[in-house]
Amino acid sequence: MMFHRELAMIYEANGKTIVEFIIRLSEDRPGILAAISDVFAENGVNIVNASFNRLQKMIHVVADFTNSVSSIGDVENMLRKFSFVYDVMEKVLNNDSYVMATLSIPTFNNNYVLAIDHDVFENQVNELLLGILKSLGKKDGELILGMYGSFKANELSILQLRGLGRVQVQSTGNVTIVKVCRENLNEEFSKLILSYLEGFTGLFNVKIQGQGISESCLQVKITTA
């Protein structure tokens, strides 16, 4: 699918040691990225994603230390030894799934988007907000329809890219079970998820049925004709 830019921002961290680095530079010159990459490679650390904001002289790295032969502190100290490095900040990511913080204005499918905390609106669900989520789902459904010409259950991962929760999809025959999970999921927020799914699936010959919340996960059954 065409969301390669956004998909690269999502990392499964379950059972892994994923660490985020912000490396601030005192100068920009050729070879900096190569030098920093060499430090991670020499210590058995896999770089999952790296971005360079030259305007702010800042490098953002998400790295997998699961099989590293060195500690996080050792790698940080090696990075600080470079003359072009002004400061290094690191943070271990504890979530099972992590969406990388972007150093620029967030985009989705080449459009600028507004990032809103869930708690801002989860207790203010109304018809207007439900309509917005349904329209958003329809827009994403139209994109998938244009790409594939039919319903593709695995493409429901787009819901996670929209920030509505962690998505698990399991299909058997013409039945797809979708689980959308987030911490402290309540009935009001689940209405937003269902509205999005109604908009998304409304373009296809499918039937959608919410099956309630269990262990902070909304389960939805989708049946294709």
Protein backbone atom coordinates (compact mmCIF):
# COMPACT_ATOMS: atom_id res chain seq x y z
CA MET A 1 0.00 0.00 0.00
CA MET A 2 1.04 3.60 -0.36
CA PHE A 3 1.40 4.48 3.32
CA HIS A 4 5.06 3.47 3.44
CA ARG A 5 5.97 6.81 4.97
CA GLU A 6 3.51 6.40 7.82
CA LEU A 7 4.00 2.66 8.29
CA ALA A 8 7.68 3.21 8.90
CA MET A 9 6.74 5.26 11.96
CA ILE A 10 5.07 2.38 13.78
CA TYR A 11 7.16 -0.15 15.67
CA GLU A 12 6.19 -3.31 17.51
CA ALA A 13 8.22 -3.29 20.72
CA ASN A 14 6.76 -6.32 22.47
CA GLY A 15 9.61 -8.36 23.95
CA LYS A 16 12.22 -6.00 22.52
CA THR A 17 14.41 -3.21 23.83
CA ILE A 18 13.58 -0.24 21.62
CA VAL A 19 15.35 3.03 22.38
CA GLU A 20 14.74 6.51 20.99
CA PHE A 21 17.69 8.89 20.58
CA ILE A 22 17.67 12.63 19.92
CA ILE A 23 21.14 13.71 18.81
CA ARG A 24 21.72 17.47 18.66
CA LEU A 25 24.56 18.66 16.46
CA SER A 26 26.93 21.59 16.77
CA GLU A 27 27.52 21.58 13.01
CA ASP A 28 26.40 19.87 9.82
CA ARG A 29 28.97 18.34 7.52
CA PRO A 30 29.32 15.33 5.18
CA GLY A 31 29.69 11.92 6.80
CA ILE A 32 27.80 12.59 10.02
CA LEU A 33 25.04 10.06 9.40
CA ALA A 34 27.58 7.42 8.35
CA ALA A 35 29.65 7.99 11.49
CA ILE A 36 26.63 7.72 13.77
CA SER A 37 25.38 4.62 11.96
CA ASP A 38 28.78 2.99 12.44
CA VAL A 39 28.55 3.45 16.22
CA PHE A 40 25.25 1.58 16.37
CA ALA A 41 26.48 -1.15 13.99
CA GLU A 42 29.73 -1.72 15.91
CA ASN A 43 27.71 -2.33 19.08
CA GLY A 44 25.27 -4.76 17.50
CA VAL A 45 22.39 -2.28 17.52
CA ASN A 46 19.86 -2.32 14.70
CA ILE A 47 18.67 1.11 13.53
CA VAL A 48 14.93 0.83 12.95
CA ASN A 49 14.48 4.38 11.70
CA ALA A 50 16.59 7.53 11.41
CA SER A 51 15.69 11.05 10.31
CA PHE A 52 17.86 14.16 9.96
CA ASN A 53 16.43 17.63 10.47
CA ARG A 54 19.20 19.78 9.04
CA LEU A 55 17.40 23.03 9.82
CA GLN A 56 17.40 22.23 13.54
CA LYS A 57 20.67 20.25 13.40
CA MET A 58 18.97 17.28 14.98
CA ILE A 59 19.04 13.54 14.28
CA HIS A 60 16.25 11.28 15.51
CA VAL A 61 17.05 7.58 15.79
CA VAL A 62 14.89 4.65 16.86
CA ALA A 63 17.14 1.67 17.61
CA ASP A 64 16.67 -1.97 18.61
CA PHE A 65 19.05 -2.94 21.43
CA THR A 66 17.56 -6.42 21.89
CA ASN A 67 20.67 -8.24 20.64
CA SER A 68 23.21 -5.53 21.42
CA VAL A 69 26.58 -6.43 22.92
CA SER A 70 26.76 -3.04 24.66
CA SER A 71 24.64 -1.03 27.05
CA ILE A 72 22.57 1.99 26.09
CA GLY A 73 24.90 4.17 28.16
CA ASP A 74 27.97 2.86 26.31
CA VAL A 75 26.47 3.81 22.95
CA GLU A 76 25.40 7.22 24.24
CA ASN A 77 28.93 7.92 25.50
CA MET A 78 30.44 6.94 22.16
CA LEU A 79 28.09 9.31 20.35
CA ARG A 80 29.03 12.16 22.69
CA LYS A 81 32.72 11.80 21.76
CA PHE A 82 32.10 13.14 18.24
CA SER A 83 33.15 16.78 17.90
CA PHE A 84 30.00 17.52 15.89
CA VAL A 85 27.66 16.22 18.61
CA TYR A 86 26.34 18.88 20.99
CA ASP A 87 24.03 16.73 23.10
CA VAL A 88 22.43 13.27 23.22
CA MET A 89 19.13 12.33 24.82
CA GLU A 90 17.77 8.77 24.99
CA LYS A 91 14.58 7.12 26.18
CA VAL A 92 13.64 3.45 26.41
CA LEU A 93 10.22 2.84 24.86
CA ASN A 94 8.07 0.72 27.15
CA ASN A 95 4.92 0.44 25.02
CA ASP A 96 4.16 -2.70 23.02
CA SER A 97 3.51 -0.50 20.02
CA TYR A 98 5.13 2.88 19.48
CA VAL A 99 4.51 5.63 16.98
CA MET A 100 7.63 7.63 16.33
CA ALA A 101 7.52 11.31 17.23
CA THR A 102 8.12 13.28 14.08
CA LEU A 103 10.43 16.27 13.93
CA SER A 104 8.17 18.02 11.43
CA ILE A 105 4.47 18.72 11.00
CA PRO A 106 2.69 15.33 11.00
CA THR A 107 1.31 14.15 7.67
CA PHE A 108 -0.87 11.27 6.56
CA ASN A 109 -1.03 10.23 2.91
CA ASN A 110 0.74 13.49 1.95
CA ASN A 111 -1.79 15.65 3.80
CA TYR A 112 -1.16 17.66 6.97
CA VAL A 113 -3.05 16.29 9.97
CA LEU A 114 -4.04 17.56 13.40
CA ALA A 115 -2.93 15.36 16.30
CA ILE A 116 -5.42 15.46 19.19
CA ASP A 117 -5.08 13.72 22.55
CA HIS A 118 -7.80 11.13 23.12
CA ASP A 119 -8.83 12.60 26.45
CA VAL A 120 -9.68 15.92 24.81
CA PHE A 121 -12.79 14.51 23.16
CA GLU A 122 -13.46 11.01 24.48
CA ASN A 123 -15.94 12.39 27.03
CA GLN A 124 -17.52 14.78 24.53
CA VAL A 125 -18.77 12.32 21.93
CA ASN A 126 -21.69 13.77 19.97
CA GLU A 127 -23.29 13.40 16.55
CA LEU A 128 -20.95 15.97 15.00
CA LEU A 129 -17.84 14.16 16.20
CA LEU A 130 -19.24 10.77 15.17
CA GLY A 131 -19.96 12.22 11.72
CA ILE A 132 -16.38 13.47 11.41
CA LEU A 133 -14.99 10.02 12.25
CA LYS A 134 -17.37 8.39 9.78
CA SER A 135 -16.29 10.81 7.04
CA LEU A 136 -12.66 10.11 7.87
CA GLY A 137 -13.28 6.37 7.57
CA LYS A 138 -15.04 6.90 4.24
CA LYS A 139 -12.10 8.90 2.94
CA ASP A 140 -9.66 6.13 3.86
CA GLY A 141 -12.01 3.50 2.43
CA GLU A 142 -12.13 5.37 -0.86
CA LEU A 143 -8.35 5.30 -0.97
CA ILE A 144 -8.23 1.54 -0.42
CA LEU A 145 -11.02 0.99 -2.94
CA GLY A 146 -9.09 2.99 -5.52
CA MET A 147 -5.95 0.98 -4.86
CA TYR A 148 -7.38 -2.55 -4.73
CA GLY A 149 -10.93 -2.33 -6.07
CA SER A 150 -12.24 -4.49 -3.21
CA PHE A 151 -12.25 -4.89 0.57
CA LYS A 152 -8.88 -5.90 2.03
CA ALA A 153 -9.09 -6.84 5.72
CA ASN A 154 -5.37 -6.31 6.39
CA GLU A 155 -5.67 -2.70 5.28
CA LEU A 156 -7.69 -2.01 8.43
CA SER A 157 -4.30 -1.35 10.01
CA ILE A 158 -4.88 2.14 8.67
CA LEU A 159 -7.10 2.60 11.74
CA GLN A 160 -3.99 2.32 13.91
CA LEU A 161 -2.22 4.88 11.75
CA ARG A 162 -5.11 7.22 12.47
CA GLY A 163 -4.37 6.85 16.19
CA LEU A 164 -7.59 5.13 17.22
CA GLY A 165 -5.84 2.17 18.88
CA ARG A 166 -3.69 -0.89 18.32
CA VAL A 167 -5.24 -3.11 15.67
CA GLN A 168 -5.33 -6.89 15.39
CA VAL A 169 -6.95 -8.47 12.33
CA GLN A 170 -7.81 -12.15 11.96
CA SER A 171 -9.69 -13.49 8.92
CA THR A 172 -11.27 -16.90 8.40
CA GLY A 173 -13.20 -17.42 5.20
CA ASN A 174 -15.57 -14.48 4.71
CA VAL A 175 -15.42 -13.41 8.38
CA THR A 176 -12.90 -10.94 9.77
CA ILE A 177 -12.52 -10.22 13.48
CA VAL A 178 -10.96 -6.87 14.24
CA LYS A 179 -9.73 -5.95 17.71
CA VAL A 180 -8.96 -2.32 18.46
CA CYS A 181 -7.18 -1.90 21.80
CA ARG A 182 -6.13 1.07 23.86
CA GLU A 183 -5.61 1.73 27.55
CA ASN A 184 -8.84 2.26 29.49
CA LEU A 185 -11.03 1.97 26.41
CA ASN A 186 -14.60 3.01 27.28
CA GLU A 187 -17.98 2.85 25.58
CA GLU A 188 -17.86 6.47 24.42
CA PHE A 189 -14.53 6.13 22.64
CA SER A 190 -15.61 2.81 21.14
CA LYS A 191 -18.42 4.72 19.40
CA LEU A 192 -15.78 6.78 17.59
CA ILE A 193 -13.99 3.62 16.44
CA LEU A 194 -17.24 2.08 15.20
CA SER A 195 -18.18 5.27 13.34
CA TYR A 196 -14.82 5.25 11.57
CA LEU A 197 -15.27 1.58 10.62
CA GLU A 198 -18.80 2.21 9.39
CA GLY A 199 -17.50 4.92 7.09
CA PHE A 200 -14.60 2.76 5.92
CA THR A 201 -16.65 -0.38 5.22
CA GLY A 202 -19.69 1.46 3.82
CA LEU A 203 -18.07 1.48 0.39
CA PHE A 204 -17.79 -2.31 0.29
CA ASN A 205 -20.28 -5.15 0.26
CA VAL A 206 -19.69 -6.08 3.90
CA LYS A 207 -21.63 -6.21 7.16
CA ILE A 208 -20.14 -4.75 10.35
CA GLN A 209 -21.16 -5.70 13.88
CA GLY A 210 -19.69 -4.45 17.16
CA GLN A 211 -19.26 -7.25 19.70
CA GLY A 212 -18.46 -5.25 22.80
CA ILE A 213 -15.39 -4.39 24.87
CA SER A 214 -13.20 -6.91 26.65
CA GLU A 215 -9.87 -6.18 28.36
CA SER A 216 -9.71 -2.66 26.86
CA CYS A 217 -10.24 -4.01 23.34
CA LEU A 218 -13.25 -3.37 21.11
CA GLN A 219 -14.06 -6.44 19.01
CA VAL A 220 -15.78 -5.95 15.68
CA LYS A 221 -17.02 -8.65 13.31
CA ILE A 222 -16.95 -7.90 9.58
CA THR A 223 -18.65 -10.30 7.18
CA THR A 224 -18.13 -10.11 3.43
CA ALA A 225 -20.85 -11.20 1.00
